[in-house]
Amino acid sequence: MDQTAVEARRSVGNEPPAFDVGRLESPALSSALLDALLRYPVGQRILDVLRWIKPVWRIPFLEWTLVLRYEHVREVLSSSGEFQVPWGAKMKRVTSDDGAEPPNGRNFVLGMTEPDAHYRQDYALLAQAFAFGDVATTVSRLALEASETCLRDWQPTQQTPFFDVVERLVLSVPAMMCDTYYGIPIADPVHFGKCSLAVSSYLFGPPFEDDGKASTARKREMALAAAAPLRHTIRTAMREAEQSLMANGDNPADSSPLHRLMRAKRDSCGAIDDDRIHVQLFGMVLGFIPTNVLAAGNLLETLLDKPEFMLRTVQAARAGDDERLWRCLRETLRFRNINPGPWRLCAHDTLLANAHGRATRIRKGEQVLACTQAAMFDGRRITHPHLFDSNRPDEDYLVFGLGQHWCLGAYIAIAQITQMFKVLFTHFDVSPAPGAAGRMKRVSVFPLHQMVSLKPVAAPYGLASGAQPHSAQHGG
């Protein structure tokens, strides 16, 4: 879709409900401390020691269980019946009309506890809408174009000599693609993206963050406020897509996931309704923007901390080798994953077996952290875990989860992140701004700002124009 058409679509519809994204900007000591704890090598060394002492830790007064060994983490993530996702009720709440209580929203497919008929139907619906073939034909191109637009639109000045790479690239690109690829008109990608961060922080945070205490109540209230403009924007886009479909029929130019979903509704003879489409689109937005912001922000922070990682990644980008570039990025992400791991709720007493024939009992009702970060450094399974090796086998990585709740949009995320870093590292040498400005600013675990110096490379090539990349020394 050309830029003129995108701008025309953005002008349609009423203004969405207001949400003050400045609420995310309030400095929090807890965010800084959490960031310091999770950064490599501090956080990883702590996890290594804990795993060496005991592979499964139970914290009785919190009813938490931390699972740290590779085979145990895989078992938890693969056993969706025994270890269920705990955020289904939260998803229903944020997709409810005006945050109604009890929630009248529906559940996103990855929030469902069992692969039942509803799960299979919704999964098939999303697989058809977000077709795998889009990655090669559409997603990579749109990600590359969005990245070049973000970088081309910025010019350093005496007042602003540094580039906010998180807000103006890492956050903006996936939000822009919810418009250009998903088909959801978005007037302000940065505002839309920050709303998604507020909701995601509430949905996927630790289980104690919905316990009714004042601090967690504020986080819930902020998430509900941020969810309102997301709901409005998605509902408006659905209505416009349906009107276009009725007026114009099957237009081959309308091949976005949104239009595919609306065509599926039309052809379903009433089996698919607006609420079902809304919650699945809402979930795909929440699974795309915040997750990619976390992944790309953590990647960039680690690359800036580790010059040898940066060198190999830049070499792959400037060689135009997307596969090698993603392998370097994925290996970097292993050193600080998207998060320490996903939470699960133990549905009934369950035994976790190990290779020595002993088992650990997980009690019904326990909140279980399947610590993928620890698992990807488990020396029993991972060869030389503290060395950078971009040629590791795929099984060494648990970046996108596993089993029933494996990330639906993983291939879209890989394409977007790969193309974004390819554009950045092809055109610029990147270094942190001096002093405090050059340190990552976060809300909870989510990156918000990172000021960097961008030094243009001697002879950048125009990726979007189709020019051929120059050669570079093999790395990785």
Protein backbone atom coordinates (compact mmCIF):
# COMPACT_ATOMS: atom_id res chain seq x y z
CA MET A 1 0.00 0.00 0.00
CA ASP A 2 1.48 3.39 -0.99
CA GLN A 3 2.03 6.15 1.56
CA THR A 4 -0.79 8.32 0.17
CA ALA A 5 -3.31 5.56 0.74
CA VAL A 6 -1.98 5.01 4.25
CA GLU A 7 -2.35 8.71 5.12
CA ALA A 8 -5.87 8.78 3.68
CA ARG A 9 -6.90 5.83 5.82
CA ARG A 10 -5.44 7.45 8.92
CA SER A 11 -7.68 10.48 8.54
CA VAL A 12 -10.88 8.40 8.78
CA GLY A 13 -12.77 7.92 12.05
CA ASN A 14 -13.15 9.68 15.36
CA GLU A 15 -10.32 10.31 17.80
CA PRO A 16 -9.66 7.34 20.09
CA PRO A 17 -10.03 7.66 23.87
CA ALA A 18 -7.16 9.59 25.41
CA PHE A 19 -4.34 7.95 27.34
CA ASP A 20 -1.51 10.02 28.79
CA VAL A 21 1.61 8.11 27.78
CA GLY A 22 3.55 10.46 30.03
CA ARG A 23 2.47 8.19 32.88
CA LEU A 24 4.99 5.68 31.57
CA GLU A 25 7.78 8.22 31.82
CA SER A 26 7.76 8.56 35.61
CA PRO A 27 11.19 7.44 36.82
CA ALA A 28 11.07 4.29 38.92
CA LEU A 29 13.98 3.07 41.00
CA SER A 30 12.56 -0.44 40.80
CA SER A 31 12.90 -0.42 36.98
CA ALA A 32 16.57 0.58 37.21
CA LEU A 33 17.30 -2.06 39.83
CA LEU A 34 15.49 -4.75 37.85
CA ASP A 35 17.42 -3.76 34.73
CA ALA A 36 20.75 -4.02 36.55
CA LEU A 37 19.81 -7.42 37.94
CA LEU A 38 18.73 -8.87 34.59
CA ARG A 39 21.68 -7.65 32.52
CA TYR A 40 24.40 -10.11 31.57
CA PRO A 41 26.52 -11.27 33.32
CA VAL A 42 25.05 -10.41 36.75
CA GLY A 43 21.64 -12.00 36.32
CA GLN A 44 22.95 -15.02 34.46
CA ARG A 45 25.62 -15.79 37.06
CA ILE A 46 22.97 -15.68 39.79
CA LEU A 47 20.79 -18.11 37.81
CA ASP A 48 23.79 -20.39 37.20
CA VAL A 49 24.51 -20.59 40.93
CA LEU A 50 20.85 -21.21 41.81
CA ARG A 51 20.57 -23.95 39.18
CA TRP A 52 23.78 -25.58 40.44
CA ILE A 53 22.48 -25.62 44.02
CA LYS A 54 19.00 -26.84 43.12
CA PRO A 55 17.22 -27.04 39.75
CA VAL A 56 13.74 -26.27 41.13
CA TRP A 57 13.18 -23.63 43.82
CA ARG A 58 9.96 -23.24 45.76
CA ILE A 59 9.24 -19.97 47.59
CA PRO A 60 6.53 -21.04 50.06
CA PHE A 61 5.21 -17.69 51.28
CA LEU A 62 4.65 -16.57 47.66
CA GLU A 63 3.58 -19.97 46.30
CA TRP A 64 6.10 -19.53 43.50
CA THR A 65 8.22 -22.22 41.90
CA LEU A 66 11.28 -21.32 39.81
CA VAL A 67 12.25 -23.97 37.23
CA LEU A 68 15.83 -23.47 36.04
CA ARG A 69 17.02 -26.62 34.24
CA TYR A 70 16.73 -26.99 30.47
CA GLU A 71 14.75 -30.26 30.39
CA HIS A 72 12.40 -29.08 33.16
CA VAL A 73 11.68 -25.78 31.41
CA ARG A 74 10.87 -27.62 28.19
CA GLU A 75 8.60 -30.01 30.09
CA VAL A 76 6.68 -27.15 31.73
CA LEU A 77 6.23 -25.27 28.45
CA SER A 78 5.19 -28.42 26.59
CA SER A 79 2.58 -29.48 29.18
CA SER A 80 -0.20 -26.94 28.65
CA GLY A 81 -2.76 -29.01 30.55
CA GLU A 82 -0.69 -29.26 33.71
CA PHE A 83 0.94 -25.82 33.46
CA GLN A 84 -1.58 -23.26 32.23
CA VAL A 85 -1.12 -19.65 31.19
CA PRO A 86 -2.29 -17.41 34.06
CA TRP A 87 -3.27 -14.29 32.15
CA GLY A 88 -6.49 -15.36 30.41
CA ALA A 89 -8.69 -13.43 32.86
CA LYS A 90 -6.55 -10.31 32.42
CA MET A 91 -6.90 -10.56 28.64
CA LYS A 92 -10.68 -10.75 28.97
CA ARG A 93 -10.56 -7.67 31.20
CA VAL A 94 -8.53 -5.46 28.84
CA THR A 95 -10.63 -6.49 25.82
CA SER A 96 -13.89 -5.83 27.70
CA ASP A 97 -16.03 -2.82 26.84
CA ASP A 98 -14.80 -0.01 29.11
CA GLY A 99 -13.05 -2.53 31.39
CA ALA A 100 -16.37 -4.02 32.51
CA GLU A 101 -16.52 -6.12 35.67
CA PRO A 102 -17.03 -8.99 35.45
CA PRO A 103 -15.08 -8.91 32.18
CA ASN A 104 -17.20 -9.38 29.07
CA GLY A 105 -14.23 -9.69 26.73
CA ARG A 106 -13.02 -12.85 25.07
CA ASN A 107 -9.75 -14.70 25.30
CA PHE A 108 -6.86 -14.56 22.86
CA VAL A 109 -5.89 -17.93 21.44
CA LEU A 110 -2.59 -18.04 23.37
CA GLY A 111 -4.45 -17.34 26.62
CA MET A 112 -6.53 -20.50 26.28
CA THR A 113 -5.65 -23.33 28.63
CA GLU A 114 -6.50 -26.30 26.43
CA PRO A 115 -6.16 -26.99 22.68
CA ASP A 116 -9.92 -27.52 22.40
CA ALA A 117 -12.25 -26.78 19.48
CA HIS A 118 -12.26 -23.02 20.18
CA TYR A 119 -8.47 -22.97 20.26
CA ARG A 120 -8.17 -24.91 17.00
CA GLN A 121 -10.72 -22.70 15.24
CA ASP A 122 -9.08 -19.46 16.36
CA TYR A 123 -5.58 -20.74 15.62
CA ALA A 124 -6.65 -21.73 12.09
CA LEU A 125 -8.29 -18.32 11.64
CA LEU A 126 -5.09 -16.50 12.59
CA ALA A 127 -2.87 -18.82 10.57
CA GLN A 128 -4.93 -18.00 7.50
CA ALA A 129 -4.93 -14.26 8.19
CA PHE A 130 -1.24 -13.98 9.11
CA ALA A 131 -0.03 -16.29 6.35
CA PHE A 132 3.51 -17.63 6.55
CA GLY A 133 4.04 -16.67 2.92
CA ASP A 134 3.65 -13.00 3.87
CA VAL A 135 7.08 -13.03 5.51
CA ALA A 136 8.94 -13.28 2.20
CA THR A 137 6.48 -11.32 0.05
CA THR A 138 5.40 -8.49 2.33
CA VAL A 139 6.65 -8.37 5.91
CA SER A 140 10.37 -8.08 5.21
CA ARG A 141 9.84 -5.34 2.62
CA LEU A 142 7.52 -3.31 4.87
CA ALA A 143 9.89 -3.65 7.83
CA LEU A 144 12.80 -2.49 5.74
CA GLU A 145 10.85 0.46 4.34
CA ALA A 146 9.56 1.50 7.76
CA SER A 147 13.07 1.34 9.21
CA GLU A 148 14.54 3.45 6.45
CA THR A 149 11.72 5.99 6.85
CA CYS A 150 12.38 6.31 10.61
CA LEU A 151 16.09 6.87 10.08
CA ARG A 152 15.71 9.12 7.03
CA ASP A 153 13.26 11.43 8.79
CA TRP A 154 15.75 12.25 11.57
CA GLN A 155 18.44 14.87 11.23
CA PRO A 156 20.84 15.75 14.08
CA THR A 157 20.81 19.32 15.29
CA GLN A 158 22.86 21.27 17.81
CA GLN A 159 20.02 20.88 20.33
CA THR A 160 19.37 17.19 19.57
CA PRO A 161 22.64 15.63 18.39
CA PHE A 162 21.62 12.13 19.46
CA PHE A 163 18.99 9.72 18.17
CA ASP A 164 16.44 8.08 20.49
CA VAL A 165 16.78 4.66 18.92
CA VAL A 166 14.08 3.06 21.09
CA GLU A 167 11.26 5.56 20.61
CA ARG A 168 12.07 6.51 17.02
CA LEU A 169 13.00 3.06 15.65
CA VAL A 170 12.58 0.09 17.98
CA LEU A 171 9.07 1.15 19.06
CA SER A 172 8.01 2.97 15.90
CA VAL A 173 8.72 0.24 13.33
CA PRO A 174 6.48 -2.54 14.75
CA ALA A 175 3.75 0.02 15.48
CA MET A 176 3.94 1.28 11.89
CA MET A 177 3.67 -2.30 10.65
CA CYS A 178 0.43 -2.77 12.57
CA ASP A 179 -0.79 -0.16 10.10
CA THR A 180 0.96 -1.10 6.84
CA TYR A 181 0.88 -4.89 7.32
CA TYR A 182 -1.89 -5.71 9.81
CA GLY A 183 -4.19 -3.20 8.09
CA ILE A 184 -5.08 -1.16 11.23
CA PRO A 185 -4.93 2.61 10.51
CA ILE A 186 -2.80 4.24 13.22
CA ALA A 187 -2.53 8.03 13.43
CA ASP A 188 0.35 8.12 15.94
CA PRO A 189 2.51 4.96 15.99
CA VAL A 190 4.52 6.04 19.04
CA HIS A 191 1.41 6.71 21.12
CA PHE A 192 -0.20 3.46 19.96
CA GLY A 193 2.98 1.54 20.75
CA LYS A 194 3.31 3.00 24.24
CA CYS A 195 -0.32 2.12 24.98
CA SER A 196 0.51 -1.46 24.06
CA LEU A 197 3.48 -1.45 26.47
CA ALA A 198 1.26 -0.38 29.37
CA VAL A 199 -1.23 -3.17 28.64
CA SER A 200 1.44 -5.81 28.08
CA SER A 201 3.22 -4.93 31.33
CA TYR A 202 -0.02 -5.69 33.19
CA LEU A 203 -0.91 -8.83 31.22
CA PHE A 204 2.37 -10.69 31.31
CA GLY A 205 3.98 -9.41 34.48
CA PRO A 206 4.54 -11.44 37.65
CA PRO A 207 1.38 -13.00 39.14
CA PHE A 208 1.44 -10.79 42.24
CA GLU A 209 0.69 -7.78 40.02
CA ASP A 210 -3.06 -8.44 40.18
CA ASP A 211 -3.39 -8.91 43.94
CA GLY A 212 -5.41 -5.78 44.73
CA LYS A 213 -2.63 -3.89 46.50
CA ALA A 214 -2.35 -0.16 45.84
CA SER A 215 0.80 -0.42 43.72
CA THR A 216 -0.60 -3.19 41.52
CA ALA A 217 -4.01 -1.52 41.37
CA ARG A 218 -2.35 1.53 39.79
CA LYS A 219 -0.71 -0.66 37.19
CA ARG A 220 -4.03 -2.34 36.42
CA GLU A 221 -5.83 1.01 36.17
CA MET A 222 -3.18 2.35 33.79
CA ALA A 223 -3.44 -0.80 31.64
CA LEU A 224 -7.21 -0.47 31.41
CA ALA A 225 -6.87 3.19 30.42
CA ALA A 226 -4.27 2.31 27.78
CA ALA A 227 -6.39 -0.56 26.44
CA ALA A 228 -9.28 1.79 25.55
CA PRO A 229 -7.55 3.53 22.59
CA LEU A 230 -6.27 0.16 21.37
CA ARG A 231 -9.80 -1.26 21.38
CA HIS A 232 -11.17 1.85 19.68
CA THR A 233 -8.52 1.81 16.96
CA ILE A 234 -9.00 -1.89 16.20
CA ARG A 235 -12.82 -1.70 16.25
CA THR A 236 -12.75 1.34 13.94
CA ALA A 237 -10.41 -0.45 11.52
CA MET A 238 -12.70 -3.49 11.49
CA ARG A 239 -15.74 -1.38 10.73
CA GLU A 240 -13.99 0.44 7.88
CA ALA A 241 -12.65 -2.81 6.42
CA GLU A 242 -16.12 -4.35 6.49
CA GLN A 243 -17.62 -1.29 4.79
CA SER A 244 -14.92 -1.43 2.13
CA LEU A 245 -15.58 -5.11 1.56
CA MET A 246 -19.30 -4.50 1.16
CA ALA A 247 -18.75 -1.59 -1.22
CA ASN A 248 -15.90 -2.94 -3.32
CA GLY A 249 -16.10 -6.71 -2.98
CA ASP A 250 -12.90 -8.76 -2.97
CA ASN A 251 -10.27 -6.21 -3.93
CA PRO A 252 -6.92 -7.97 -4.53
CA ALA A 253 -5.15 -4.89 -3.13
CA ASP A 254 -6.80 -5.54 0.25
CA SER A 255 -4.65 -8.46 1.36
CA SER A 256 -3.88 -7.40 4.92
CA PRO A 257 -4.61 -9.78 7.81
CA LEU A 258 -7.47 -7.48 8.87
CA HIS A 259 -9.17 -7.76 5.48
CA ARG A 260 -8.63 -11.52 5.43
CA LEU A 261 -10.32 -11.77 8.83
CA MET A 262 -13.28 -9.67 7.69
CA ARG A 263 -13.66 -11.83 4.57
CA ALA A 264 -13.60 -14.91 6.80
CA LYS A 265 -16.38 -13.36 8.87
CA ARG A 266 -18.45 -12.66 5.75
CA ASP A 267 -18.01 -16.21 4.46
CA SER A 268 -18.66 -17.91 7.83
CA CYS A 269 -22.46 -17.58 7.76
CA GLY A 270 -22.45 -16.12 11.28
CA ALA A 271 -19.90 -18.52 12.83
CA ILE A 272 -17.35 -15.71 13.20
CA ASP A 273 -18.41 -12.45 14.84
CA ASP A 274 -16.74 -9.08 15.45
CA ASP A 275 -15.87 -9.85 19.08
CA ARG A 276 -13.92 -12.92 18.03
CA ILE A 277 -11.95 -11.01 15.41
CA HIS A 278 -11.37 -8.08 17.76
CA VAL A 279 -9.79 -10.11 20.54
CA GLN A 280 -7.54 -12.06 18.17
CA LEU A 281 -6.31 -8.84 16.54
CA PHE A 282 -5.87 -7.25 19.97
CA GLY A 283 -3.80 -10.25 21.05
CA MET A 284 -1.67 -10.15 17.91
CA VAL A 285 -0.93 -6.46 18.50
CA LEU A 286 -0.02 -7.18 22.14
CA GLY A 287 2.14 -10.09 21.04
CA PHE A 288 3.93 -8.07 18.36
CA ILE A 289 4.78 -4.53 19.46
CA PRO A 290 5.76 -5.04 23.14
CA THR A 291 7.56 -8.33 22.49
CA ASN A 292 9.58 -6.85 19.63
CA VAL A 293 10.37 -3.74 21.65
CA LEU A 294 11.65 -5.93 24.48
CA ALA A 295 13.64 -8.17 22.13
CA ALA A 296 15.17 -5.38 20.06
CA GLY A 297 15.85 -3.18 23.09
CA ASN A 298 17.60 -5.98 24.94
CA LEU A 299 19.50 -6.87 21.78
CA LEU A 300 20.75 -3.36 21.25
CA GLU A 301 21.76 -2.90 24.88
CA THR A 302 23.73 -6.17 24.80
CA LEU A 303 25.37 -5.34 21.47
CA LEU A 304 26.49 -1.95 22.79
CA ASP A 305 27.91 -3.67 25.89
CA LYS A 306 29.68 -6.41 23.91
CA PRO A 307 31.85 -5.09 21.05
CA GLU A 308 32.66 -8.59 19.79
CA PHE A 309 28.94 -9.36 19.47
CA MET A 310 28.43 -6.05 17.69
CA LEU A 311 31.27 -6.71 15.24
CA ARG A 312 29.89 -10.05 14.08
CA THR A 313 26.35 -8.71 13.83
CA VAL A 314 27.39 -5.64 11.83
CA GLN A 315 29.45 -7.80 9.47
CA ALA A 316 26.41 -9.98 8.78
CA ALA A 317 24.20 -6.93 8.21
CA ARG A 318 26.64 -5.29 5.79
CA ALA A 319 27.08 -8.54 3.92
CA GLY A 320 23.34 -8.52 3.28
CA ASP A 321 23.11 -12.03 4.77
CA ASP A 322 19.73 -12.08 6.52
CA GLU A 323 20.06 -15.63 7.79
CA ARG A 324 23.47 -15.03 9.35
CA LEU A 325 22.29 -11.70 10.74
CA TRP A 326 19.31 -13.33 12.48
CA ARG A 327 21.55 -16.06 13.91
CA CYS A 328 23.83 -13.37 15.37
CA LEU A 329 20.84 -11.48 16.76
CA ARG A 330 19.30 -14.65 18.20
CA GLU A 331 22.57 -15.60 19.87
CA THR A 332 22.86 -12.09 21.33
CA LEU A 333 19.29 -12.36 22.61
CA ARG A 334 20.23 -15.57 24.42
CA PHE A 335 22.46 -13.47 26.69
CA ARG A 336 19.46 -11.38 27.72
CA ASN A 337 16.22 -12.94 26.61
CA ILE A 338 12.93 -11.10 26.08
CA ASN A 339 12.17 -11.84 29.73
CA PRO A 340 13.49 -14.33 32.33
CA GLY A 341 10.71 -16.70 31.27
CA PRO A 342 6.93 -17.08 31.05
CA TRP A 343 4.71 -17.70 34.08
CA ARG A 344 2.48 -20.75 34.30
CA LEU A 345 -0.14 -21.89 36.84
CA CYS A 346 0.09 -25.51 38.00
CA ALA A 347 -3.41 -26.97 37.50
CA HIS A 348 -2.85 -30.08 39.67
CA ASP A 349 0.00 -31.79 41.54
CA THR A 350 2.64 -32.65 38.94
CA LEU A 351 6.00 -34.41 39.00
CA LEU A 352 8.95 -33.04 37.06
CA ALA A 353 11.27 -35.93 36.24
CA ASN A 354 14.99 -35.68 35.58
CA ALA A 355 17.69 -37.78 33.96
CA HIS A 356 18.67 -39.40 37.28
CA GLY A 357 15.23 -40.89 37.88
CA ARG A 358 14.36 -38.45 40.67
CA ALA A 359 11.35 -36.18 40.50
CA THR A 360 10.26 -32.86 41.97
CA ARG A 361 6.64 -32.32 42.92
CA ILE A 362 4.98 -29.07 41.84
CA ARG A 363 1.87 -28.42 43.91
CA LYS A 364 -1.53 -27.45 42.56
CA GLY A 365 -1.99 -23.68 42.57
CA GLU A 366 1.74 -22.87 42.45
CA GLN A 367 2.80 -20.04 40.13
CA VAL A 368 5.64 -21.49 38.05
CA LEU A 369 8.33 -19.43 36.32
CA ALA A 370 9.68 -21.51 33.43
CA CYS A 371 13.02 -19.71 33.34
CA THR A 372 14.05 -19.88 29.70
CA GLN A 373 16.96 -17.53 30.43
CA ALA A 374 18.47 -20.06 32.84
CA ALA A 375 17.68 -22.99 30.55
CA MET A 376 19.58 -21.52 27.61
CA PHE A 377 22.74 -21.47 29.77
CA ASP A 378 22.34 -24.93 31.28
CA GLY A 379 25.76 -26.51 30.77
CA ARG A 380 24.24 -30.01 30.93
CA ARG A 381 22.59 -29.31 27.57
CA ILE A 382 24.20 -26.17 26.09
CA THR A 383 27.80 -26.44 24.88
CA HIS A 384 30.04 -23.63 26.20
CA PRO A 385 27.01 -21.58 27.22
CA HIS A 386 28.94 -18.39 28.01
CA LEU A 387 30.59 -18.21 24.58
CA PHE A 388 29.03 -16.36 21.64
CA ASP A 389 28.31 -18.96 18.95
CA SER A 390 25.82 -18.04 16.25
CA ASN A 391 26.00 -21.57 14.78
CA ARG A 392 24.25 -23.24 17.69
CA PRO A 393 21.45 -25.71 16.85
CA ASP A 394 17.91 -24.38 16.93
CA GLU A 395 17.05 -26.57 19.95
CA ASP A 396 19.42 -24.53 22.13
CA TYR A 397 17.06 -21.55 21.93
CA LEU A 398 13.82 -20.96 23.80
CA VAL A 399 13.39 -17.35 22.71
CA PHE A 400 9.83 -17.79 21.43
CA GLY A 401 8.62 -20.36 23.93
CA LEU A 402 7.47 -23.89 23.13
CA GLY A 403 4.42 -26.07 22.69
CA GLN A 404 0.84 -24.84 22.49
CA HIS A 405 1.83 -21.32 23.49
CA TRP A 406 4.76 -20.95 21.12
CA CYS A 407 4.70 -17.42 19.70
CA LEU A 408 2.21 -17.27 16.81
CA GLY A 409 3.95 -14.30 15.21
CA ALA A 410 7.51 -15.56 15.60
CA TYR A 411 8.35 -15.48 11.89
CA ILE A 412 6.87 -12.00 11.50
CA ALA A 413 8.89 -10.83 14.51
CA ILE A 414 12.10 -12.37 13.15
CA ALA A 415 11.65 -10.64 9.80
CA GLN A 416 10.85 -7.26 11.36
CA ILE A 417 13.76 -7.31 13.82
CA THR A 418 16.24 -8.60 11.23
CA GLN A 419 15.35 -5.98 8.64
CA MET A 420 15.35 -3.18 11.18
CA PHE A 421 18.85 -3.97 12.43
CA LYS A 422 20.05 -4.54 8.86
CA VAL A 423 19.01 -1.01 7.92
CA LEU A 424 20.45 0.50 11.10
CA PHE A 425 23.84 -1.22 10.92
CA THR A 426 24.17 -0.89 7.15
CA HIS A 427 23.83 2.89 7.21
CA PHE A 428 25.37 3.75 10.57
CA ASP A 429 27.99 2.97 13.14
CA VAL A 430 26.06 3.07 16.42
CA SER A 431 27.43 4.02 19.84
CA PRO A 432 25.74 5.12 23.07
CA ALA A 433 25.50 8.83 23.83
CA PRO A 434 27.89 9.94 26.57
CA GLY A 435 26.81 10.00 30.19
CA ALA A 436 23.39 9.22 31.60
CA ALA A 437 21.66 9.95 28.27
CA GLY A 438 23.33 6.89 26.78
CA ARG A 439 21.81 4.48 29.30
CA MET A 440 18.59 2.64 28.53
CA LYS A 441 15.49 4.09 30.21
CA ARG A 442 12.77 1.57 30.99
CA VAL A 443 9.29 1.22 32.43
CA SER A 444 9.21 -2.09 34.26
CA VAL A 445 11.22 -4.31 31.87
CA PHE A 446 10.21 -2.40 28.71
CA PRO A 447 12.70 -0.09 26.97
CA LEU A 448 11.44 3.47 26.50
CA HIS A 449 14.47 5.55 25.50
CA GLN A 450 18.08 5.01 24.46
CA MET A 451 20.08 7.92 23.08
CA VAL A 452 22.77 6.91 20.60
CA SER A 453 25.22 8.55 18.25
CA LEU A 454 24.71 7.60 14.60
CA LYS A 455 27.81 7.96 12.43
CA PRO A 456 27.02 7.41 8.73
CA VAL A 457 29.17 4.74 7.13
CA ALA A 458 31.36 5.74 4.21
CA ALA A 459 29.28 4.15 1.43
CA PRO A 460 25.86 2.98 2.62
CA TYR A 461 23.73 1.23 0.04
CA GLY A 462 20.02 1.82 -0.46
CA LEU A 463 18.33 -1.35 0.73
CA ALA A 464 14.81 -0.29 -0.20
CA SER A 465 15.92 0.74 -3.69
CA GLY A 466 17.16 -2.76 -4.41
CA ALA A 467 20.87 -1.91 -4.71
CA GLN A 468 23.22 -4.79 -4.10
CA PRO A 469 25.10 -4.92 -0.79
CA HIS A 470 28.84 -4.60 -0.68
CA SER A 471 30.87 -7.56 0.54
CA ALA A 472 32.00 -7.91 4.12
CA GLN A 473 34.26 -10.24 6.05
CA HIS A 474 32.44 -13.32 7.27
CA GLY A 475 31.61 -13.23 10.97
CA GLY A 476 29.63 -15.23 13.49
